[in-house]
Amino acid sequence: MLEIIYTLVVTHITIICVTLFLHRGQAHRAIIFSPILSHFMRFWLWLTTGMVTKQWVAIHRKHHRFSDIEGDPHSPHVYGIKQVFFKGAVLYHEASKDKVMVDTYGVGTPADWIEHNLYSAHSRLGIGILLLFNIIIFGWIGALIWGIQMIWIPFWAAGVINGIGHWWGYRNGETKDKSKNISPWDIIVGGECLHNNHHLEPGNPRLSRRWFEFDIGWMYICLLRAVKLATVK
């Protein structure tokens, strides 16, 4: 039972760090977090995903620039829904190798000493430490938990949001792309299932638009703002 609770909690924290820090904060500059909280989320993502902030931000910004047309790093209308859903992480990895693209679209992301010397330079070290920690705490079942953590973001973010989010669902407004809202209630992916809403207003940190829609990421933002840990721009 403890293992299940731990898995649900840590994967949820990771999803929240992706949607709040990487997406709404870094990619779209919609929120400013306190330095301590910002660094915690950056550290947590290094530990649990191995993703580099500059690469993620660059790929996402290019996705908005060329959404669902040639040049989009992960559109199901360019690569096919099966390719994006099952191999979205591969498309992300291939795009991250484009240094010119990353430098062009990744401007403004953290460039301090720890980013250059640890988070970016040794992006796989964190997930290795996480594997060791899980095994120490839970024994060999910790390796299974680690495996779930490793596929959590590739499946939900790269597969479901980038794939299904541009393929199936409902729309609250017309955009130049094929973005859809997969579900009006989204806890598992931190509010990101309201994908058409996001493409309607990319700079809006609140992803819900209608009375029956619930964006848990916005709920967390409101709580953080109340205790002066976040500022909505």
Protein backbone atom coordinates (compact mmCIF):
# COMPACT_ATOMS: atom_id res chain seq x y z
CA MET A 1 0.00 0.00 0.00
CA LEU A 2 2.82 2.39 0.89
CA GLU A 3 4.44 1.74 -2.48
CA ILE A 4 1.22 2.68 -4.31
CA ILE A 5 0.79 5.90 -2.31
CA TYR A 6 4.42 6.85 -2.90
CA THR A 7 4.11 6.23 -6.65
CA LEU A 8 0.94 8.31 -6.97
CA VAL A 9 2.37 11.18 -4.93
CA VAL A 10 5.75 11.43 -6.66
CA THR A 11 4.31 11.12 -10.18
CA HIS A 12 1.75 13.79 -9.37
CA ILE A 13 4.47 16.14 -8.11
CA THR A 14 6.36 15.56 -11.35
CA ILE A 15 3.31 16.36 -13.49
CA ILE A 16 2.67 19.53 -11.48
CA CYS A 17 6.28 20.63 -11.91
CA VAL A 18 5.99 20.11 -15.66
CA THR A 19 2.78 22.10 -16.06
CA LEU A 20 3.61 24.87 -13.58
CA PHE A 21 7.35 25.32 -13.99
CA LEU A 22 8.22 24.14 -17.50
CA HIS A 23 4.99 24.97 -19.31
CA ARG A 24 3.23 27.92 -17.73
CA GLY A 25 6.28 29.46 -16.07
CA GLN A 26 9.26 28.91 -18.36
CA ALA A 27 7.76 28.40 -21.82
CA HIS A 28 5.03 31.05 -21.64
CA ARG A 29 6.31 33.34 -18.87
CA ALA A 30 2.82 33.48 -17.36
CA ILE A 31 3.97 32.95 -13.75
CA ILE A 32 6.97 33.90 -11.66
CA PHE A 33 7.73 31.55 -8.76
CA SER A 34 9.79 32.34 -5.70
CA PRO A 35 13.48 31.43 -6.21
CA ILE A 36 13.35 28.57 -3.69
CA LEU A 37 10.20 27.02 -5.19
CA SER A 38 11.47 27.52 -8.73
CA HIS A 39 14.72 25.76 -7.92
CA PHE A 40 12.92 22.94 -6.13
CA MET A 41 10.83 22.23 -9.24
CA ARG A 42 13.89 22.37 -11.47
CA PHE A 43 15.71 19.96 -9.15
CA TRP A 44 12.69 17.64 -8.94
CA LEU A 45 12.42 17.42 -12.73
CA TRP A 46 16.15 16.67 -13.01
CA LEU A 47 15.74 13.94 -10.41
CA THR A 48 12.57 12.34 -11.81
CA THR A 49 12.68 12.93 -15.58
CA GLY A 50 16.18 13.88 -16.74
CA MET A 51 14.64 16.58 -18.94
CA VAL A 52 16.64 19.75 -19.64
CA THR A 53 14.63 22.93 -19.13
CA LYS A 54 16.01 24.76 -22.19
CA GLN A 55 15.28 21.81 -24.47
CA TRP A 56 11.72 21.32 -23.21
CA VAL A 57 10.92 25.02 -23.51
CA ALA A 58 12.41 25.27 -27.00
CA ILE A 59 10.47 22.27 -28.29
CA HIS A 60 7.22 23.56 -26.83
CA ARG A 61 7.68 27.06 -28.21
CA LYS A 62 8.43 25.65 -31.66
CA HIS A 63 5.28 23.53 -31.36
CA HIS A 64 3.26 26.72 -30.94
CA ARG A 65 5.10 28.42 -33.81
CA PHE A 66 4.36 25.56 -36.24
CA SER A 67 1.39 23.92 -34.58
CA ASP A 68 0.09 20.98 -36.65
CA ILE A 69 2.02 21.96 -39.77
CA GLU A 70 5.45 21.02 -41.10
CA GLY A 71 7.98 22.04 -38.48
CA ASP A 72 5.89 21.00 -35.47
CA PRO A 73 8.16 18.68 -33.44
CA HIS A 74 5.34 16.33 -32.41
CA SER A 75 2.07 16.86 -34.28
CA PRO A 76 -0.10 13.80 -35.01
CA HIS A 77 -1.16 15.59 -38.22
CA VAL A 78 2.46 15.59 -39.38
CA TYR A 79 3.77 12.28 -38.00
CA GLY A 80 0.53 10.34 -37.51
CA ILE A 81 -1.38 9.67 -34.32
CA LYS A 82 0.19 6.25 -33.69
CA GLN A 83 3.70 7.65 -34.02
CA VAL A 84 3.06 10.50 -31.57
CA PHE A 85 1.03 8.45 -29.09
CA PHE A 86 3.42 5.52 -28.87
CA LYS A 87 6.72 7.22 -29.74
CA GLY A 88 6.19 10.80 -28.63
CA ALA A 89 9.22 10.58 -26.35
CA VAL A 90 11.36 9.56 -29.35
CA LEU A 91 10.19 12.62 -31.30
CA TYR A 92 11.02 14.79 -28.28
CA HIS A 93 14.48 13.26 -28.01
CA GLU A 94 15.18 13.79 -31.72
CA ALA A 95 14.07 17.42 -31.52
CA SER A 96 16.24 18.03 -28.46
CA LYS A 97 19.35 17.22 -30.52
CA ASP A 98 18.76 20.26 -32.75
CA LYS A 99 21.13 22.69 -31.01
CA VAL A 100 20.28 25.61 -33.28
CA MET A 101 16.57 25.15 -32.59
CA VAL A 102 17.16 24.82 -28.85
CA ASP A 103 19.31 27.97 -28.75
CA THR A 104 16.76 29.89 -30.85
CA TYR A 105 13.60 28.95 -28.99
CA GLY A 106 15.05 28.27 -25.53
CA VAL A 107 16.09 31.82 -24.68
CA GLY A 108 15.45 33.06 -21.16
CA THR A 109 15.68 29.69 -19.44
CA PRO A 110 17.99 29.13 -16.42
CA ALA A 111 21.65 29.54 -17.32
CA ASP A 112 23.31 29.59 -13.91
CA TRP A 113 26.26 27.56 -12.66
CA ILE A 114 24.25 24.58 -11.46
CA GLU A 115 22.36 24.40 -14.76
CA HIS A 116 25.55 24.29 -16.82
CA ASN A 117 27.52 22.04 -14.49
CA LEU A 118 24.88 19.64 -13.21
CA TYR A 119 21.32 19.76 -14.57
CA SER A 120 22.21 20.09 -18.26
CA ALA A 121 25.69 18.56 -18.18
CA HIS A 122 24.58 15.45 -16.27
CA SER A 123 20.88 15.16 -17.11
CA ARG A 124 20.85 11.38 -16.55
CA LEU A 125 22.54 11.48 -13.15
CA GLY A 126 19.36 12.51 -11.37
CA ILE A 127 17.27 9.56 -12.54
CA GLY A 128 20.15 7.25 -11.61
CA ILE A 129 20.10 8.65 -8.06
CA LEU A 130 16.32 8.21 -8.01
CA LEU A 131 16.65 4.54 -8.97
CA LEU A 132 19.15 3.96 -6.17
CA PHE A 133 16.92 5.77 -3.67
CA ASN A 134 13.84 3.75 -4.66
CA ILE A 135 15.71 0.46 -4.28
CA ILE A 136 17.12 1.47 -0.88
CA ILE A 137 13.65 2.40 0.39
CA PHE A 138 11.50 -0.32 -1.19
CA GLY A 139 13.92 -3.05 -2.22
CA TRP A 140 13.76 -4.38 -5.75
CA ILE A 141 10.12 -3.30 -6.13
CA GLY A 142 11.61 0.18 -6.08
CA ALA A 143 13.00 -0.54 -9.54
CA LEU A 144 9.45 -1.18 -10.76
CA ILE A 145 8.30 2.11 -9.21
CA TRP A 146 11.22 3.84 -10.93
CA GLY A 147 10.13 2.33 -14.25
CA ILE A 148 6.63 3.75 -13.77
CA GLN A 149 8.15 7.15 -13.00
CA MET A 150 10.24 6.97 -16.17
CA ILE A 151 7.26 6.29 -18.45
CA TRP A 152 4.83 8.66 -16.68
CA ILE A 153 5.80 11.85 -18.53
CA PRO A 154 6.52 10.16 -21.90
CA PHE A 155 3.09 8.52 -21.82
CA TRP A 156 0.90 11.31 -20.44
CA ALA A 157 2.68 14.39 -21.79
CA ALA A 158 4.38 13.22 -24.98
CA GLY A 159 1.76 10.62 -25.90
CA VAL A 160 -1.61 11.72 -24.58
CA ILE A 161 -1.36 15.53 -24.59
CA ASN A 162 0.77 15.97 -27.70
CA GLY A 163 -1.06 13.18 -29.53
CA ILE A 164 -4.67 12.85 -28.39
CA GLY A 165 -4.74 16.56 -27.50
CA HIS A 166 -4.46 17.38 -31.20
CA TRP A 167 -6.63 14.54 -32.44
CA TRP A 168 -9.77 13.93 -30.38
CA GLY A 169 -11.99 15.92 -28.02
CA TYR A 170 -14.07 19.08 -27.91
CA ARG A 171 -13.17 22.69 -28.70
CA ASN A 172 -14.16 25.92 -26.97
CA GLY A 173 -12.88 28.05 -29.81
CA GLU A 174 -11.28 27.99 -33.23
CA THR A 175 -7.50 28.10 -33.53
CA LYS A 176 -5.12 27.76 -36.46
CA ASP A 177 -4.30 24.23 -35.27
CA LYS A 178 -6.24 21.07 -34.40
CA SER A 179 -5.97 21.33 -30.62
CA LYS A 180 -8.71 19.69 -28.56
CA ASN A 181 -9.82 19.53 -24.95
CA ILE A 182 -9.61 15.84 -24.06
CA SER A 183 -11.52 16.13 -20.80
CA PRO A 184 -13.11 18.99 -18.82
CA TRP A 185 -11.72 17.56 -15.57
CA ASP A 186 -8.02 16.92 -15.37
CA ILE A 187 -6.11 15.82 -12.30
CA ILE A 188 -3.73 13.22 -13.74
CA VAL A 189 -1.99 15.58 -16.17
CA GLY A 190 -2.30 18.73 -14.08
CA GLY A 191 -4.89 20.50 -16.24
CA GLU A 192 -3.09 19.94 -19.54
CA CYS A 193 -6.03 17.96 -20.96
CA LEU A 194 -7.66 21.37 -21.54
CA HIS A 195 -5.40 21.71 -24.54
CA ASN A 196 -7.62 23.69 -26.90
CA ASN A 197 -8.13 26.25 -24.15
CA HIS A 198 -4.37 26.60 -23.89
CA HIS A 199 -3.93 27.13 -27.63
CA LEU A 200 -6.67 29.76 -27.57
CA GLU A 201 -4.67 31.78 -25.03
CA PRO A 202 -1.11 30.41 -24.70
CA GLY A 203 -0.08 33.14 -22.27
CA ASN A 204 -2.96 32.54 -19.88
CA PRO A 205 -1.83 30.44 -16.88
CA ARG A 206 -5.43 29.33 -16.26
CA LEU A 207 -6.36 26.50 -18.64
CA SER A 208 -10.04 26.23 -17.70
CA ARG A 209 -12.55 28.50 -19.46
CA ARG A 210 -16.06 27.16 -18.79
CA TRP A 211 -17.89 26.60 -15.51
CA PHE A 212 -17.68 22.81 -15.66
CA GLU A 213 -13.95 22.68 -16.45
CA PHE A 214 -11.43 22.07 -13.69
CA ASP A 215 -7.72 22.84 -13.97
CA ILE A 216 -5.94 21.48 -10.92
CA GLY A 217 -2.78 23.28 -11.96
CA TRP A 218 -4.59 26.61 -11.62
CA MET A 219 -5.79 25.54 -8.18
CA TYR A 220 -2.18 25.02 -7.10
CA ILE A 221 -1.22 28.39 -8.58
CA CYS A 222 -3.94 30.11 -6.55
CA LEU A 223 -2.71 28.41 -3.38
CA LEU A 224 0.92 29.36 -4.10
CA ARG A 225 -0.12 32.92 -4.89
CA ALA A 226 -2.00 33.13 -1.59
CA VAL A 227 1.19 32.34 0.36
CA LYS A 228 3.33 34.67 -1.81
CA LEU A 229 5.23 31.89 -3.60
CA ALA A 230 3.91 32.72 -7.06
CA THR A 231 3.07 35.85 -9.04
CA VAL A 232 0.71 35.64 -12.00
CA LYS A 233 1.81 37.91 -14.83
